[in-house]
């Protein structure tokens, strides 16, 4: 469930449906995505790890403002890391 929530939220950020500075309120997101709060909470943490959201103490998370070049760099790094992880996993299972 958290993976599905992450993909939907990531897509909404990239498409501009969730604009920079938009608060990521867990209850509101859970209601709009038809999910419980737990997968939403995990998805928001993952968005923070990806640099797409920022945790603001005592306020929760908000959408980060990124330009197109930052997004390209972020996703190329993610692709490289995921590729290395898949290769390593394949080596371990051989």
C-alpha atoms as a PDB file:
ATOM      1  CA  UNK A   1       0.000   0.000   0.000  1.00  0.00           C
ATOM      2  CA  UNK A   2       2.796   2.443   0.877  1.00  0.00           C
ATOM      3  CA  UNK A   3       4.380   1.834  -2.531  1.00  0.00           C
ATOM      4  CA  UNK A   4       1.092   2.675  -4.293  1.00  0.00           C
ATOM      5  CA  UNK A   5       0.697   5.796  -2.158  1.00  0.00           C
ATOM      6  CA  UNK A   6       4.274   6.830  -2.925  1.00  0.00           C
ATOM      7  CA  UNK A   7       3.754   6.466  -6.672  1.00  0.00           C
ATOM      8  CA  UNK A   8       0.501   8.445  -6.630  1.00  0.00           C
ATOM      9  CA  UNK A   9       1.971  11.245  -4.517  1.00  0.00           C
ATOM     10  CA  UNK A  10       5.225  11.348  -6.500  1.00  0.00           C
ATOM     11  CA  UNK A  11       3.258  11.611  -9.725  1.00  0.00           C
ATOM     12  CA  UNK A  12       1.067  14.381  -8.283  1.00  0.00           C
ATOM     13  CA  UNK A  13       4.177  16.354  -7.311  1.00  0.00           C
ATOM     14  CA  UNK A  14       5.899  15.874 -10.664  1.00  0.00           C
ATOM     15  CA  UNK A  15       2.743  16.797 -12.602  1.00  0.00           C
ATOM     16  CA  UNK A  16       2.272  19.903 -10.465  1.00  0.00           C
ATOM     17  CA  UNK A  17      -0.972  18.731  -8.877  1.00  0.00           C
ATOM     18  CA  UNK A  18       0.757  19.162  -5.506  1.00  0.00           C
ATOM     19  CA  UNK A  19       2.660  22.425  -5.805  1.00  0.00           C
ATOM     20  CA  UNK A  20       5.771  23.501  -3.873  1.00  0.00           C
ATOM     21  CA  UNK A  21       4.909  24.505  -0.334  1.00  0.00           C
ATOM     22  CA  UNK A  22       1.697  22.465  -0.230  1.00  0.00           C
ATOM     23  CA  UNK A  23       1.313  20.865   3.216  1.00  0.00           C
ATOM     24  CA  UNK A  24       1.131  17.063   3.104  1.00  0.00           C
ATOM     25  CA  UNK A  25      -1.575  16.466   5.718  1.00  0.00           C
ATOM     26  CA  UNK A  26      -1.793  12.747   6.397  1.00  0.00           C
ATOM     27  CA  UNK A  27      -5.521  12.688   7.096  1.00  0.00           C
ATOM     28  CA  UNK A  28      -6.384  14.648   3.956  1.00  0.00           C
ATOM     29  CA  UNK A  29      -4.125  12.508   1.764  1.00  0.00           C
ATOM     30  CA  UNK A  30      -5.479   9.279   3.266  1.00  0.00           C
ATOM     31  CA  UNK A  31      -9.027  10.409   2.541  1.00  0.00           C
ATOM     32  CA  UNK A  32      -8.300  11.551  -1.022  1.00  0.00           C
ATOM     33  CA  UNK A  33      -6.361   8.365  -1.862  1.00  0.00           C
ATOM     34  CA  UNK A  34      -8.810   6.065  -0.082  1.00  0.00           C
ATOM     35  CA  UNK A  35      -6.129   4.609   2.198  1.00  0.00           C
ATOM     36  CA  UNK A  36      -5.370   4.463   5.887  1.00  0.00           C
ATOM     37  CA  UNK A  37      -2.866   6.857   7.416  1.00  0.00           C
ATOM     38  CA  UNK A  38      -0.074   4.263   7.865  1.00  0.00           C
ATOM     39  CA  UNK A  39       0.821   3.827   4.161  1.00  0.00           C
ATOM     40  CA  UNK A  40       0.485   7.583   3.634  1.00  0.00           C
ATOM     41  CA  UNK A  41       2.883   8.262   6.520  1.00  0.00           C
ATOM     42  CA  UNK A  42       5.422   5.835   5.034  1.00  0.00           C
ATOM     43  CA  UNK A  43       4.999   7.345   1.551  1.00  0.00           C
ATOM     44  CA  UNK A  44       5.600  10.857   2.905  1.00  0.00           C
ATOM     45  CA  UNK A  45       8.766   9.639   4.650  1.00  0.00           C
ATOM     46  CA  UNK A  46       9.934   8.188   1.343  1.00  0.00           C
ATOM     47  CA  UNK A  47       9.127  11.462  -0.441  1.00  0.00           C
ATOM     48  CA  UNK A  48      11.315  13.208   2.133  1.00  0.00           C
ATOM     49  CA  UNK A  49      14.119  10.712   1.476  1.00  0.00           C
ATOM     50  CA  UNK A  50      13.774  11.361  -2.270  1.00  0.00           C
ATOM     51  CA  UNK A  51      13.963  15.108  -1.736  1.00  0.00           C
ATOM     52  CA  UNK A  52      10.423  15.723  -2.975  1.00  0.00           C
ATOM     53  CA  UNK A  53       9.087  16.706   0.450  1.00  0.00           C
ATOM     54  CA  UNK A  54      10.527  18.414   3.495  1.00  0.00           C
ATOM     55  CA  UNK A  55       9.665  17.790   7.142  1.00  0.00           C
ATOM     56  CA  UNK A  56       8.923  21.023   8.982  1.00  0.00           C
ATOM     57  CA  UNK A  57       9.163  20.586  12.779  1.00  0.00           C
ATOM     58  CA  UNK A  58       5.797  21.016  14.533  1.00  0.00           C
ATOM     59  CA  UNK A  59       4.015  21.383  11.172  1.00  0.00           C
ATOM     60  CA  UNK A  60       4.499  18.116   9.284  1.00  0.00           C
ATOM     61  CA  UNK A  61       5.720  17.738   5.732  1.00  0.00           C
ATOM     62  CA  UNK A  62       5.368  19.994   2.717  1.00  0.00           C
ATOM     63  CA  UNK A  63       6.145  19.638  -0.979  1.00  0.00           C
ATOM     64  CA  UNK A  64       9.625  20.854  -1.884  1.00  0.00           C
ATOM     65  CA  UNK A  65      10.222  23.292  -4.688  1.00  0.00           C
ATOM     66  CA  UNK A  66      12.462  21.673  -7.300  1.00  0.00           C
ATOM     67  CA  UNK A  67      13.362  22.811 -10.740  1.00  0.00           C
ATOM     68  CA  UNK A  68      13.446  20.472 -13.722  1.00  0.00           C
ATOM     69  CA  UNK A  69      17.231  20.050 -13.620  1.00  0.00           C
ATOM     70  CA  UNK A  70      17.133  19.073  -9.934  1.00  0.00           C
ATOM     71  CA  UNK A  71      14.434  16.501 -10.684  1.00  0.00           C
ATOM     72  CA  UNK A  72      16.477  15.016 -13.529  1.00  0.00           C
ATOM     73  CA  UNK A  73      19.543  14.753 -11.313  1.00  0.00           C
ATOM     74  CA  UNK A  74      17.541  13.273  -8.454  1.00  0.00           C
ATOM     75  CA  UNK A  75      15.983  10.578 -10.618  1.00  0.00           C
ATOM     76  CA  UNK A  76      19.228   9.742 -12.410  1.00  0.00           C
ATOM     77  CA  UNK A  77      20.845   9.160  -9.010  1.00  0.00           C
ATOM     78  CA  UNK A  78      17.884   7.049  -7.929  1.00  0.00           C
ATOM     79  CA  UNK A  79      18.074   5.015 -11.150  1.00  0.00           C
ATOM     80  CA  UNK A  80      21.787   4.387 -10.641  1.00  0.00           C
ATOM     81  CA  UNK A  81      21.264   3.282  -7.038  1.00  0.00           C
ATOM     82  CA  UNK A  82      18.344   1.010  -7.898  1.00  0.00           C
ATOM     83  CA  UNK A  83      20.314  -0.533 -10.772  1.00  0.00           C
ATOM     84  CA  UNK A  84      23.225  -1.287  -8.451  1.00  0.00           C
ATOM     85  CA  UNK A  85      20.846  -2.761  -5.874  1.00  0.00           C
ATOM     86  CA  UNK A  86      19.218  -5.060  -8.454  1.00  0.00           C
ATOM     87  CA  UNK A  87      22.617  -6.224  -9.723  1.00  0.00           C
ATOM     88  CA  UNK A  88      23.788  -6.928  -6.186  1.00  0.00           C
ATOM     89  CA  UNK A  89      20.595  -8.824  -5.375  1.00  0.00           C
ATOM     90  CA  UNK A  90      20.972 -10.894  -8.553  1.00  0.00           C
ATOM     91  CA  UNK A  91      24.555 -11.751  -7.602  1.00  0.00           C
ATOM     92  CA  UNK A  92      23.426 -12.913  -4.173  1.00  0.00           C
ATOM     93  CA  UNK A  93      20.782 -15.223  -5.644  1.00  0.00           C
ATOM     94  CA  UNK A  94      23.106 -16.864  -8.187  1.00  0.00           C
END
